[in-house]
N, C-alpha and C. Protein backbone atom coordinates (compact mmCIF):
# COMPACT_ATOMS: atom_id res chain seq x y z
N MET A 1 0.10 -22.20 -16.61
CA MET A 1 -0.90 -21.56 -15.99
C MET A 1 -0.20 -19.70 -15.48
N THR A 2 -1.43 -19.38 -15.44
CA THR A 2 -1.58 -17.92 -15.12
C THR A 2 -1.43 -17.32 -13.59
N PRO A 3 -0.73 -15.72 -13.25
CA PRO A 3 -0.30 -15.49 -11.71
C PRO A 3 -1.76 -16.00 -11.04
N SER A 4 -2.74 -15.41 -11.67
CA SER A 4 -4.21 -15.30 -11.03
C SER A 4 -4.64 -16.53 -11.01
N ALA A 5 -3.84 -17.87 -11.63
CA ALA A 5 -4.21 -18.91 -11.62
C ALA A 5 -3.70 -19.91 -10.39
N LEU A 6 -2.34 -19.62 -9.82
CA LEU A 6 -0.84 -20.31 -9.70
C LEU A 6 -1.25 -19.08 -8.09
N LEU A 7 -1.98 -18.03 -8.02
CA LEU A 7 -1.63 -17.91 -6.68
C LEU A 7 -2.94 -18.52 -5.58
N PRO A 8 -3.76 -18.87 -5.94
CA PRO A 8 -4.76 -19.51 -5.05
C PRO A 8 -4.20 -20.85 -4.39
N ALA A 9 -2.89 -21.15 -5.35
CA ALA A 9 -2.70 -22.56 -5.23
C ALA A 9 -1.40 -22.29 -4.04
N ILE A 10 -0.42 -21.02 -4.23
CA ILE A 10 0.55 -21.14 -3.54
C ILE A 10 0.54 -20.38 -2.04
N LEU A 11 -0.46 -20.14 -1.94
CA LEU A 11 -1.10 -18.76 -0.72
C LEU A 11 -1.06 -19.67 0.37
N PRO A 12 -2.28 -20.79 0.43
CA PRO A 12 -2.36 -21.35 1.66
C PRO A 12 -0.71 -21.71 1.87
N ALA A 13 -0.25 -22.35 0.84
CA ALA A 13 1.05 -23.51 1.58
C ALA A 13 1.99 -21.84 2.44
N ALA A 14 1.91 -20.63 1.76
CA ALA A 14 2.78 -19.82 2.21
C ALA A 14 2.53 -19.22 3.68
N ILE A 15 0.81 -18.94 3.48
CA ILE A 15 0.83 -18.63 4.91
C ILE A 15 0.87 -20.06 5.70
N ASN A 16 0.43 -21.18 5.34
CA ASN A 16 0.42 -22.10 6.53
C ASN A 16 2.00 -22.21 6.98
N HIS A 17 3.03 -22.04 6.26
CA HIS A 17 4.28 -21.93 6.82
C HIS A 17 4.38 -21.08 7.93
N LEU A 18 4.06 -19.60 7.84
CA LEU A 18 4.19 -18.98 8.69
C LEU A 18 3.47 -19.22 9.88
N LEU A 19 2.06 -19.61 9.87
CA LEU A 19 1.03 -20.32 10.77
C LEU A 19 2.02 -21.50 11.96
N ALA A 20 2.58 -22.22 11.01
CA ALA A 20 3.74 -23.60 11.59
C ALA A 20 4.35 -23.08 12.55
N GLN A 21 4.84 -21.68 12.60
CA GLN A 21 5.80 -21.07 13.50
C GLN A 21 5.16 -20.59 14.72
N GLU A 22 3.69 -20.19 14.20
CA GLU A 22 3.04 -19.90 15.85
C GLU A 22 2.08 -19.96 16.10
N PRO A 23 2.45 -20.81 17.34
CA PRO A 23 1.12 -21.59 17.92
C PRO A 23 0.01 -20.84 18.30
N TRP A 24 0.15 -19.36 18.91
CA TRP A 24 -0.86 -18.90 18.65
C TRP A 24 -1.96 -18.12 17.86
N ALA A 25 -1.13 -18.09 16.73
CA ALA A 25 -1.68 -17.43 15.59
C ALA A 25 -2.95 -18.73 14.74
N ARG A 26 -2.21 -20.18 14.94
CA ARG A 26 -3.37 -21.12 14.55
C ARG A 26 -4.13 -21.42 15.45
N ASP A 27 -3.82 -20.82 16.92
CA ASP A 27 -5.14 -21.47 17.77
C ASP A 27 -5.77 -19.99 17.64
N LYS A 28 -5.79 -18.99 17.16
CA LYS A 28 -6.35 -17.72 16.64
C LYS A 28 -7.75 -17.88 15.83
N LEU A 29 -7.20 -18.74 14.70
CA LEU A 29 -7.73 -19.40 13.69
C LEU A 29 -8.72 -20.86 13.86
N ALA A 30 -8.31 -21.25 14.71
CA ALA A 30 -8.87 -22.63 14.87
C ALA A 30 -10.02 -22.59 15.44
N ALA A 31 -10.20 -21.47 16.04
CA ALA A 31 -11.53 -20.72 16.47
C ALA A 31 -12.61 -20.94 15.29
N HIS A 32 -12.13 -20.45 14.74
CA HIS A 32 -13.18 -20.51 13.29
C HIS A 32 -12.96 -21.27 12.28
N ALA A 33 -12.72 -22.56 12.67
CA ALA A 33 -12.47 -23.73 11.53
C ALA A 33 -13.74 -24.07 11.14
N GLY A 34 -13.39 -24.66 9.47
CA GLY A 34 -14.88 -24.86 8.95
C GLY A 34 -15.01 -23.66 8.36
N LYS A 35 -14.81 -22.25 8.22
CA LYS A 35 -14.75 -21.01 8.16
C LYS A 35 -14.32 -20.75 7.06
N VAL A 36 -14.76 -20.25 5.98
CA VAL A 36 -14.27 -19.71 4.59
C VAL A 36 -13.86 -18.25 4.75
N ALA A 37 -13.02 -17.60 4.39
CA ALA A 37 -12.93 -16.12 3.57
C ALA A 37 -12.57 -15.92 2.41
N CYS A 38 -13.25 -14.94 1.86
CA CYS A 38 -13.18 -14.88 0.53
C CYS A 38 -12.28 -13.07 0.26
N PHE A 39 -11.32 -13.53 -0.59
CA PHE A 39 -10.67 -12.16 -0.67
C PHE A 39 -10.94 -11.95 -2.22
N ASP A 40 -11.41 -10.67 -2.46
CA ASP A 40 -11.44 -10.55 -3.58
C ASP A 40 -11.22 -8.95 -4.40
N ALA A 41 -10.36 -9.00 -4.99
CA ALA A 41 -9.94 -8.07 -5.33
C ALA A 41 -10.05 -7.85 -7.32
N GLY A 42 -11.54 -7.98 -7.47
CA GLY A 42 -11.41 -7.33 -9.05
C GLY A 42 -11.28 -9.30 -9.83
N LEU A 43 -9.78 -8.83 -10.41
CA LEU A 43 -9.33 -10.55 -11.32
C LEU A 43 -8.89 -11.18 -10.44
N LEU A 44 -8.36 -11.00 -9.40
CA LEU A 44 -7.79 -11.78 -8.29
C LEU A 44 -9.17 -12.02 -7.40
N ASN A 45 -9.65 -13.75 -7.03
CA ASN A 45 -10.58 -13.97 -6.14
C ASN A 45 -9.61 -15.37 -5.30
N ILE A 46 -9.39 -15.43 -4.08
CA ILE A 46 -8.98 -16.34 -3.36
C ILE A 46 -10.06 -16.66 -2.56
N ARG A 47 -10.48 -17.86 -2.28
CA ARG A 47 -11.09 -18.50 -1.37
C ARG A 47 -10.26 -19.38 0.08
N LEU A 48 -10.45 -18.86 0.84
CA LEU A 48 -9.39 -19.84 1.72
C LEU A 48 -10.64 -20.33 2.99
N LYS A 49 -10.15 -21.64 3.14
CA LYS A 49 -10.83 -22.31 4.71
C LYS A 49 -9.81 -22.43 5.57
N VAL A 50 -10.40 -22.31 6.59
CA VAL A 50 -9.72 -22.63 8.02
C VAL A 50 -9.83 -24.11 8.50
N ALA A 51 -8.83 -24.71 8.32
CA ALA A 51 -8.62 -26.63 8.73
C ALA A 51 -8.74 -26.38 10.18
N PRO A 52 -9.16 -27.65 10.69
CA PRO A 52 -9.32 -28.16 12.19
C PRO A 52 -8.22 -26.89 12.89
N GLY A 53 -7.08 -27.55 12.71
CA GLY A 53 -5.61 -27.62 13.10
C GLY A 53 -5.49 -25.68 13.38
N GLY A 54 -6.38 -25.12 12.56
CA GLY A 54 -5.70 -23.72 12.61
C GLY A 54 -5.21 -23.19 11.44
N LEU A 55 -4.72 -24.15 10.30
CA LEU A 55 -4.24 -23.78 8.77
C LEU A 55 -5.21 -23.83 7.63
N LEU A 56 -4.50 -23.40 6.61
CA LEU A 56 -5.72 -22.56 5.96
C LEU A 56 -5.29 -23.84 4.54
N GLU A 57 -6.74 -24.08 3.99
CA GLU A 57 -6.41 -24.71 2.41
C GLU A 57 -7.17 -23.95 1.51
N ALA A 58 -6.89 -24.11 0.58
CA ALA A 58 -8.30 -23.98 -0.67
C ALA A 58 -9.83 -24.53 -0.29
N ALA A 59 -10.62 -23.32 -0.58
CA ALA A 59 -12.09 -23.85 -0.62
C ALA A 59 -12.54 -23.68 -1.33
N GLU A 60 -13.52 -25.07 -1.44
CA GLU A 60 -14.44 -24.78 -2.71
C GLU A 60 -15.51 -23.99 -2.74
N PRO A 61 -15.68 -23.58 -4.48
CA PRO A 61 -16.49 -22.70 -4.84
C PRO A 61 -17.77 -22.51 -3.85
N GLU A 62 -18.31 -24.07 -4.07
CA GLU A 62 -19.78 -24.25 -4.08
C GLU A 62 -20.03 -23.52 -1.59
N ILE A 63 -18.99 -23.78 -1.06
CA ILE A 63 -19.02 -23.15 0.01
C ILE A 63 -19.21 -21.97 0.75
N PRO A 64 -20.49 -21.33 1.02
CA PRO A 64 -20.70 -19.93 1.15
C PRO A 64 -19.33 -19.45 1.95
N ALA A 65 -19.00 -18.02 1.58
CA ALA A 65 -18.24 -17.74 2.52
C ALA A 65 -18.54 -16.84 3.89
N ALA A 66 -17.56 -17.13 4.68
CA ALA A 66 -17.96 -16.32 6.43
C ALA A 66 -17.91 -14.96 6.38
N VAL A 67 -16.63 -14.42 5.66
CA VAL A 67 -16.37 -13.22 5.40
C VAL A 67 -15.87 -12.95 4.12
N THR A 68 -16.32 -11.94 3.57
CA THR A 68 -15.50 -11.76 2.10
C THR A 68 -15.03 -10.09 2.39
N ILE A 69 -13.73 -10.28 1.49
CA ILE A 69 -13.08 -8.97 1.84
C ILE A 69 -12.68 -8.42 0.51
N ARG A 70 -13.64 -7.25 0.06
CA ARG A 70 -13.14 -6.32 -1.18
C ARG A 70 -11.91 -5.51 -1.23
N ALA A 71 -10.99 -5.44 -1.85
CA ALA A 71 -9.94 -4.66 -2.01
C ALA A 71 -9.99 -3.88 -3.67
N GLN A 72 -10.02 -2.85 -3.88
CA GLN A 72 -9.41 -2.35 -5.46
C GLN A 72 -8.01 -2.79 -5.88
N ALA A 73 -7.94 -3.73 -6.77
CA ALA A 73 -6.65 -3.74 -7.41
C ALA A 73 -5.37 -2.87 -7.22
N ALA A 74 -6.45 -1.96 -7.55
CA ALA A 74 -5.23 -0.53 -7.56
C ALA A 74 -4.60 -0.30 -6.00
N ASP A 75 -5.30 -0.44 -5.16
CA ASP A 75 -5.12 -0.76 -3.47
C ASP A 75 -3.95 -1.21 -3.21
N LEU A 76 -3.50 -2.85 -3.55
CA LEU A 76 -2.97 -3.96 -3.29
C LEU A 76 -1.53 -3.58 -2.83
N PRO A 77 -0.98 -2.86 -3.84
CA PRO A 77 0.25 -2.27 -3.56
C PRO A 77 0.60 -1.19 -2.11
N LEU A 78 -0.05 -0.20 -2.35
CA LEU A 78 -0.70 0.08 -0.51
C LEU A 78 -0.72 -0.55 0.17
N MET A 79 -1.26 -1.54 0.48
CA MET A 79 -1.52 -2.53 1.58
C MET A 79 -0.64 -3.22 2.04
N LEU A 80 0.31 -3.57 0.72
CA LEU A 80 1.73 -4.63 0.79
C LEU A 80 2.61 -3.63 2.14
N GLN A 81 2.50 -2.64 1.58
CA GLN A 81 3.58 -1.57 1.67
C GLN A 81 3.29 -0.95 3.03
N ASN A 82 1.89 -1.13 3.69
CA ASN A 82 1.72 -0.70 4.85
C ASN A 82 0.59 -1.97 5.44
N ARG A 83 1.06 -2.59 5.93
CA ARG A 83 0.27 -3.85 6.43
C ARG A 83 -0.37 -3.27 7.59
N GLU A 84 0.05 -2.42 8.38
CA GLU A 84 -0.75 -2.23 9.47
C GLU A 84 -2.52 -1.40 9.43
N ARG A 85 -2.09 -0.50 7.89
CA ARG A 85 -3.31 0.27 7.65
C ARG A 85 -4.28 -0.58 6.46
N ALA A 86 -3.68 -2.17 6.37
CA ALA A 86 -4.15 -2.48 5.03
C ALA A 86 -5.30 -3.12 5.14
N PHE A 87 -5.96 -3.15 6.18
CA PHE A 87 -7.44 -3.23 6.76
C PHE A 87 -8.15 -1.65 5.91
N SER A 88 -7.26 -0.47 6.15
CA SER A 88 -8.38 0.57 6.09
C SER A 88 -8.87 0.52 4.11
N TYR A 89 -8.07 -0.01 3.10
CA TYR A 89 -8.52 -0.09 1.53
C TYR A 89 -9.59 -1.00 1.67
N VAL A 90 -9.79 -1.74 2.81
CA VAL A 90 -11.04 -3.04 1.74
C VAL A 90 -12.49 -2.74 2.66
N GLN A 91 -13.48 -3.43 1.83
CA GLN A 91 -14.65 -3.39 2.70
C GLN A 91 -15.22 -4.79 2.71
N ILE A 92 -15.48 -5.00 3.98
CA ILE A 92 -15.71 -6.29 4.74
C ILE A 92 -17.30 -6.40 4.97
N GLU A 93 -17.63 -8.10 4.36
CA GLU A 93 -18.80 -8.20 4.69
C GLU A 93 -18.68 -9.38 5.17
N GLY A 94 -19.89 -9.83 6.37
CA GLY A 94 -19.60 -10.73 6.94
C GLY A 94 -19.48 -10.90 8.35
N ASP A 95 -18.72 -12.17 9.15
CA ASP A 95 -18.55 -12.42 10.34
C ASP A 95 -17.37 -11.26 10.92
N ALA A 96 -18.06 -10.57 11.97
CA ALA A 96 -16.91 -9.78 12.52
C ALA A 96 -15.88 -10.65 12.94
N ASP A 97 -16.17 -10.86 13.87
CA ASP A 97 -15.22 -11.84 14.49
C ASP A 97 -14.59 -12.51 14.05
N PHE A 98 -14.26 -13.22 12.57
CA PHE A 98 -13.59 -14.22 11.80
C PHE A 98 -13.00 -12.95 11.23
N ALA A 99 -13.16 -11.85 10.75
CA ALA A 99 -12.32 -10.83 9.74
C ALA A 99 -11.56 -10.29 11.15
N ASN A 100 -11.90 -9.88 12.03
CA ASN A 100 -10.87 -9.24 13.24
C ASN A 100 -9.64 -10.22 13.45
N ALA A 101 -9.96 -11.25 12.98
CA ALA A 101 -8.85 -11.90 13.74
C ALA A 101 -8.29 -12.42 12.38
N ILE A 102 -8.70 -12.59 11.08
CA ILE A 102 -8.14 -12.36 10.02
C ILE A 102 -7.13 -10.75 9.81
N SER A 103 -7.55 -10.09 10.37
CA SER A 103 -6.93 -8.65 10.27
C SER A 103 -5.72 -8.29 11.25
N GLN A 104 -6.21 -8.99 12.68
CA GLN A 104 -4.88 -9.16 13.59
C GLN A 104 -3.81 -9.89 13.04
N LEU A 105 -4.16 -11.23 12.46
CA LEU A 105 -2.75 -11.90 11.93
C LEU A 105 -2.23 -11.12 10.63
N SER A 106 -2.76 -10.57 10.10
CA SER A 106 -2.18 -9.99 8.69
C SER A 106 -1.28 -9.00 9.41
N GLN A 107 -1.47 -8.31 10.28
CA GLN A 107 -0.62 -7.26 10.81
C GLN A 107 0.49 -7.86 11.72
N THR A 108 0.16 -9.13 12.07
CA THR A 108 1.15 -9.38 13.14
C THR A 108 2.08 -10.45 12.72
N LEU A 109 1.41 -11.34 11.80
CA LEU A 109 2.29 -12.69 11.55
C LEU A 109 3.70 -12.20 10.27
N ARG A 110 4.62 -12.27 10.25
CA ARG A 110 6.12 -11.78 9.77
C ARG A 110 6.77 -13.00 9.25
N TRP A 111 7.07 -13.09 8.08
CA TRP A 111 8.32 -14.11 7.87
C TRP A 111 9.73 -13.79 8.01
N GLU A 112 10.27 -14.88 8.94
CA GLU A 112 11.78 -14.79 9.46
C GLU A 112 12.37 -15.54 8.54
N ALA A 113 12.92 -14.18 7.69
CA ALA A 113 13.82 -14.77 6.38
C ALA A 113 14.87 -15.95 7.35
N GLU A 114 15.39 -15.28 7.97
CA GLU A 114 16.73 -15.52 8.67
C GLU A 114 16.76 -17.35 9.19
N HIS A 115 15.49 -17.33 9.86
CA HIS A 115 14.67 -19.01 10.43
C HIS A 115 15.17 -19.80 9.42
N ASP A 116 14.10 -19.30 8.14
CA ASP A 116 14.30 -20.49 7.24
C ASP A 116 16.26 -20.74 6.49
N LEU A 117 16.57 -19.59 6.19
CA LEU A 117 17.58 -19.79 5.55
C LEU A 117 18.70 -20.20 6.75
N SER A 118 18.59 -20.13 7.71
CA SER A 118 19.39 -20.90 8.48
C SER A 118 19.45 -22.41 8.15
N ARG A 119 18.55 -22.86 7.95
CA ARG A 119 18.56 -24.51 7.90
C ARG A 119 19.66 -24.83 6.73
N LEU A 120 19.39 -24.05 5.70
CA LEU A 120 20.61 -24.41 4.91
C LEU A 120 21.78 -24.07 4.89
N VAL A 121 21.91 -22.67 5.41
CA VAL A 121 23.81 -22.00 5.26
C VAL A 121 23.82 -21.67 6.74
N GLY A 122 23.35 -22.03 7.49
CA GLY A 122 23.29 -21.93 8.92
C GLY A 122 23.17 -20.46 9.73
N ASP A 123 23.37 -20.22 10.51
CA ASP A 123 22.84 -18.81 11.40
C ASP A 123 23.97 -17.54 11.06
N ILE A 124 24.80 -17.76 11.35
CA ILE A 124 25.76 -16.74 10.96
C ILE A 124 25.42 -16.18 9.44
N ALA A 125 25.85 -17.45 8.39
CA ALA A 125 25.61 -17.06 7.15
C ALA A 125 24.21 -16.39 6.75
N ALA A 126 22.87 -16.76 7.53
CA ALA A 126 21.72 -16.57 7.10
C ALA A 126 21.33 -15.02 7.93
N VAL A 127 22.20 -14.60 8.78
CA VAL A 127 22.13 -13.33 9.68
C VAL A 127 22.61 -12.80 7.98
N ARG A 128 23.79 -12.65 7.83
CA ARG A 128 24.58 -11.69 6.93
C ARG A 128 24.10 -11.85 5.51
N ILE A 129 23.22 -12.95 5.02
CA ILE A 129 22.86 -12.86 3.97
C ILE A 129 21.93 -11.99 3.88
N VAL A 130 20.76 -12.26 5.01
CA VAL A 130 19.40 -11.39 5.47
C VAL A 130 19.79 -10.13 5.19
N GLY A 131 20.77 -9.64 6.16
CA GLY A 131 21.30 -8.48 6.49
C GLY A 131 21.62 -7.63 5.13
N GLY A 132 22.77 -8.19 4.12
CA GLY A 132 23.08 -7.42 3.16
C GLY A 132 21.88 -7.56 1.86
N ALA A 133 20.94 -8.64 1.86
CA ALA A 133 19.84 -8.30 1.21
C ALA A 133 18.98 -6.90 1.63
N ARG A 134 18.45 -6.43 2.65
CA ARG A 134 17.90 -5.51 3.47
C ARG A 134 18.78 -4.28 3.29
N ALA A 135 20.13 -4.55 3.40
CA ALA A 135 20.85 -3.22 3.19
C ALA A 135 20.69 -2.91 1.80
N ALA A 136 20.93 -3.73 0.85
CA ALA A 136 20.72 -3.42 -0.64
C ALA A 136 19.47 -3.02 -1.45
N ALA A 137 18.21 -3.65 -0.73
CA ALA A 137 16.83 -2.90 -1.02
C ALA A 137 16.75 -1.70 0.00
N ARG A 138 17.25 -1.57 1.13
CA ARG A 138 17.71 0.32 1.19
C ARG A 138 18.37 1.00 0.40
N ASN A 139 19.57 0.53 -0.24
CA ASN A 139 20.35 1.37 -1.03
C ASN A 139 19.35 1.62 -2.55
N VAL A 140 18.97 0.29 -2.85
CA VAL A 140 17.92 0.78 -3.74
C VAL A 140 17.14 2.10 -3.76
N GLN A 141 16.24 1.93 -2.49
CA GLN A 141 15.25 2.69 -2.33
C GLN A 141 15.87 4.39 -2.39
N SER A 142 16.86 4.31 -1.50
CA SER A 142 17.51 5.32 -1.39
C SER A 142 18.08 6.13 -2.71
N GLY A 143 18.48 5.47 -3.49
CA GLY A 143 19.26 5.77 -5.18
C GLY A 143 18.21 6.62 -5.76
N ALA A 144 16.63 5.59 -5.50
CA ALA A 144 15.76 5.93 -6.31
C ALA A 144 14.87 7.04 -5.63
N GLN A 145 14.70 7.15 -4.54
CA GLN A 145 14.71 8.81 -4.24
C GLN A 145 15.71 9.59 -4.25
N SER A 146 16.97 9.90 -4.32
CA SER A 146 17.72 10.59 -4.65
C SER A 146 17.70 11.06 -6.08
N LEU A 147 17.47 9.82 -7.12
CA LEU A 147 16.95 9.97 -8.31
C LEU A 147 16.20 11.23 -8.51
N ALA A 148 15.09 10.53 -7.94
CA ALA A 148 13.95 11.43 -8.38
C ALA A 148 13.95 12.88 -7.61
N ALA A 149 14.65 12.91 -6.52
CA ALA A 149 14.76 14.61 -6.27
C ALA A 149 15.93 15.00 -7.24
N SER A 150 16.85 14.42 -7.69
CA SER A 150 17.64 15.04 -8.69
C SER A 150 16.79 15.80 -9.78
N VAL A 151 15.78 14.82 -10.30
CA VAL A 151 14.88 14.98 -11.47
C VAL A 151 14.15 15.86 -11.18
N ALA A 152 13.68 16.24 -10.27
CA ALA A 152 12.66 17.13 -10.18
C ALA A 152 13.46 18.81 -9.45
N GLU A 153 14.67 18.85 -9.34
CA GLU A 153 15.22 19.63 -9.04
C GLU A 153 16.07 20.59 -10.33
N TYR A 154 16.26 19.38 -10.99
CA TYR A 154 16.66 19.39 -12.83
C TYR A 154 15.42 20.28 -13.36
N LEU A 155 13.51 19.83 -12.90
CA LEU A 155 13.03 20.14 -14.03
C LEU A 155 12.60 21.99 -13.19
N LEU A 156 12.58 21.89 -12.01
CA LEU A 156 12.32 22.78 -11.11
C LEU A 156 13.35 24.15 -11.42
N GLU A 157 14.49 24.09 -11.41
CA GLU A 157 15.59 25.19 -11.17
C GLU A 157 16.54 25.25 -12.56
N GLU A 158 16.69 24.09 -13.07
CA GLU A 158 18.04 24.34 -14.07
C GLU A 158 17.19 24.54 -15.26
N ASN A 159 15.80 23.70 -15.49
CA ASN A 159 15.41 23.71 -16.68
C ASN A 159 14.07 23.86 -16.48
N PRO A 160 13.47 24.79 -16.42
CA PRO A 160 12.18 25.25 -15.93
C PRO A 160 10.93 24.43 -16.08
N THR A 161 10.69 23.15 -16.26
CA THR A 161 9.43 23.02 -16.69
C THR A 161 8.65 22.57 -16.32
N LEU A 162 8.79 22.73 -14.80
CA LEU A 162 7.33 22.39 -13.54
C LEU A 162 8.07 23.78 -12.83
N LEU A 163 6.84 24.23 -12.00
CA LEU A 163 6.90 25.38 -11.13
C LEU A 163 6.53 24.83 -9.90
N ARG A 164 7.34 25.40 -8.60
CA ARG A 164 6.79 24.67 -7.58
C ARG A 164 5.42 25.72 -7.25
N PRO A 165 4.39 25.43 -6.40
CA PRO A 165 3.31 25.90 -5.94
C PRO A 165 3.51 26.84 -5.50
N GLN A 166 4.50 27.40 -4.30
CA GLN A 166 4.74 28.94 -4.07
C GLN A 166 4.82 29.84 -5.29
N ALA A 167 5.82 28.86 -6.18
CA ALA A 167 6.09 30.41 -7.28
C ALA A 167 4.95 30.31 -8.02
N VAL A 168 3.80 29.50 -8.73
CA VAL A 168 2.62 29.66 -9.00
C VAL A 168 1.65 30.24 -8.43
N SER A 169 1.58 30.13 -6.54
CA SER A 169 0.59 31.52 -6.02
C SER A 169 1.09 32.67 -6.05
N ASP A 170 2.74 32.75 -6.15
CA ASP A 170 2.84 34.60 -5.85
C ASP A 170 2.92 35.20 -7.28
N PHE A 171 3.08 33.91 -8.25
CA PHE A 171 2.72 34.81 -9.77
C PHE A 171 1.23 34.86 -9.78
N GLY A 172 0.35 33.95 -9.29
CA GLY A 172 -1.27 34.57 -9.29
C GLY A 172 -1.68 35.58 -8.20
N ARG A 173 -1.05 36.06 -7.13
CA ARG A 173 -1.11 37.29 -6.49
C ARG A 173 -0.22 38.34 -6.87
N GLU A 174 0.53 38.12 -7.72
CA GLU A 174 1.02 39.55 -8.65
C GLU A 174 -0.04 39.80 -9.69
N VAL A 175 -0.64 39.14 -10.22
CA VAL A 175 -1.10 39.10 -11.24
C VAL A 175 -2.74 40.08 -10.57
N ALA A 176 -2.80 39.63 -9.89
CA ALA A 176 -4.07 40.15 -9.20
C ALA A 176 -3.72 41.64 -8.87
N ARG A 177 -2.54 41.77 -7.97
CA ARG A 177 -2.00 42.98 -7.19
C ARG A 177 -1.90 44.02 -8.90
N MET A 178 -1.23 43.36 -10.09
CA MET A 178 -1.07 44.64 -11.43
C MET A 178 -2.65 44.46 -11.62
N ARG A 179 -3.27 43.55 -11.81
CA ARG A 179 -4.67 43.97 -12.54
C ARG A 179 -5.44 44.95 -11.65
N ASP A 180 -5.48 44.86 -10.32
CA ASP A 180 -6.02 45.67 -9.61
C ASP A 180 -5.33 47.42 -9.51
N ASP A 181 -3.90 47.19 -9.42
CA ASP A 181 -3.21 48.84 -10.06
C ASP A 181 -3.46 48.76 -11.50
N VAL A 182 -3.97 48.59 -12.48
CA VAL A 182 -4.35 48.73 -13.47
C VAL A 182 -5.82 49.48 -13.52
N GLU A 183 -6.68 49.24 -12.89
CA GLU A 183 -7.86 49.47 -12.69
C GLU A 183 -8.07 50.64 -12.04
N ARG A 184 -7.30 51.17 -10.80
CA ARG A 184 -6.94 51.85 -10.31
C ARG A 184 -6.98 53.08 -11.06
N LEU A 185 -5.42 53.03 -11.98
CA LEU A 185 -4.91 53.74 -12.79
C LEU A 185 -5.84 53.92 -13.60
N ALA A 186 -6.51 53.23 -14.69
CA ALA A 186 -7.96 53.70 -15.45
C ALA A 186 -8.57 54.60 -15.16
N LYS A 187 -9.30 54.51 -13.85
CA LYS A 187 -10.16 55.40 -12.87
C LYS A 187 -9.80 56.62 -12.62
N ARG A 188 -8.17 56.73 -12.79
CA ARG A 188 -7.71 58.15 -12.42
C ARG A 188 -7.56 58.81 -13.79
N ILE A 189 -7.40 58.05 -14.62
CA ILE A 189 -6.88 58.44 -15.89
C ILE A 189 -8.54 59.03 -16.64
N GLU A 190 -9.58 58.11 -16.22
CA GLU A 190 -11.03 58.64 -16.54
C GLU A 190 -11.43 59.76 -15.84
N LYS A 191 -11.07 59.81 -14.84
CA LYS A 191 -11.58 60.89 -13.69
C LYS A 191 -10.82 62.58 -14.13
N LEU A 192 -9.52 62.18 -15.00
CA LEU A 192 -8.70 63.17 -15.32
C LEU A 192 -8.82 63.51 -16.62
N GLN A 193 -9.62 62.84 -17.29
CA GLN A 193 -10.04 63.40 -18.61
C GLN A 193 -11.82 64.16 -18.62
N ARG A 194 -12.36 64.03 -17.35
CA ARG A 194 -13.27 64.70 -17.71
C ARG A 194 -13.11 65.81 -17.32
N PRO A 195 -14.13 66.16 -18.08
CA PRO A 195 -14.05 67.99 -18.26
C PRO A 195 -14.88 68.95 -16.73
N GLN A 196 -13.86 69.57 -16.20
CA GLN A 196 -13.53 70.51 -14.99
C GLN A 196 -15.00 71.67 -15.15
N SER A 197 -16.20 71.14 -13.98
CA SER A 197 -17.16 72.22 -14.12
C SER A 197 -16.79 73.02 -13.50
């Protein structure tokens, strides 16, 4: 099964897991029971229907969507990285109230990994495991940023393959100044070469 076919099957279960922990979120969605939301990202098209209890289920293709949310596939990583601004990358068509509810839920629903993990290993171990995973992720990100800074410094300073924008701007100003100086000098030479009357 391809990832694009697997995601529509897994996504409702994952979102329902989050909704099961948040009664306020289920209540917000229950007000839109029976409505279908279509998330269209080009090759990835997911249709979800709100069940009467505020949970989600896969929607049949023949049911028209109450709201369609379109996004470019290239914007999906940006949307996942900054969930507060995710809806600024999309085009929305249809029921504005339903779209607003989806937007609010997408910004506020969070997976609490410690809560789920504590059922398997206990509270203290869950907090330590998740804390360690977060620290490892921060270290990887910090290492990647440090590597990028080192490569940039090498390419700018030690083996000047790249130029800083300020250096290019300074060079352009110097070229323009030199051109003006050469033109003034050419005019002086021309004036000196004219016969005196």
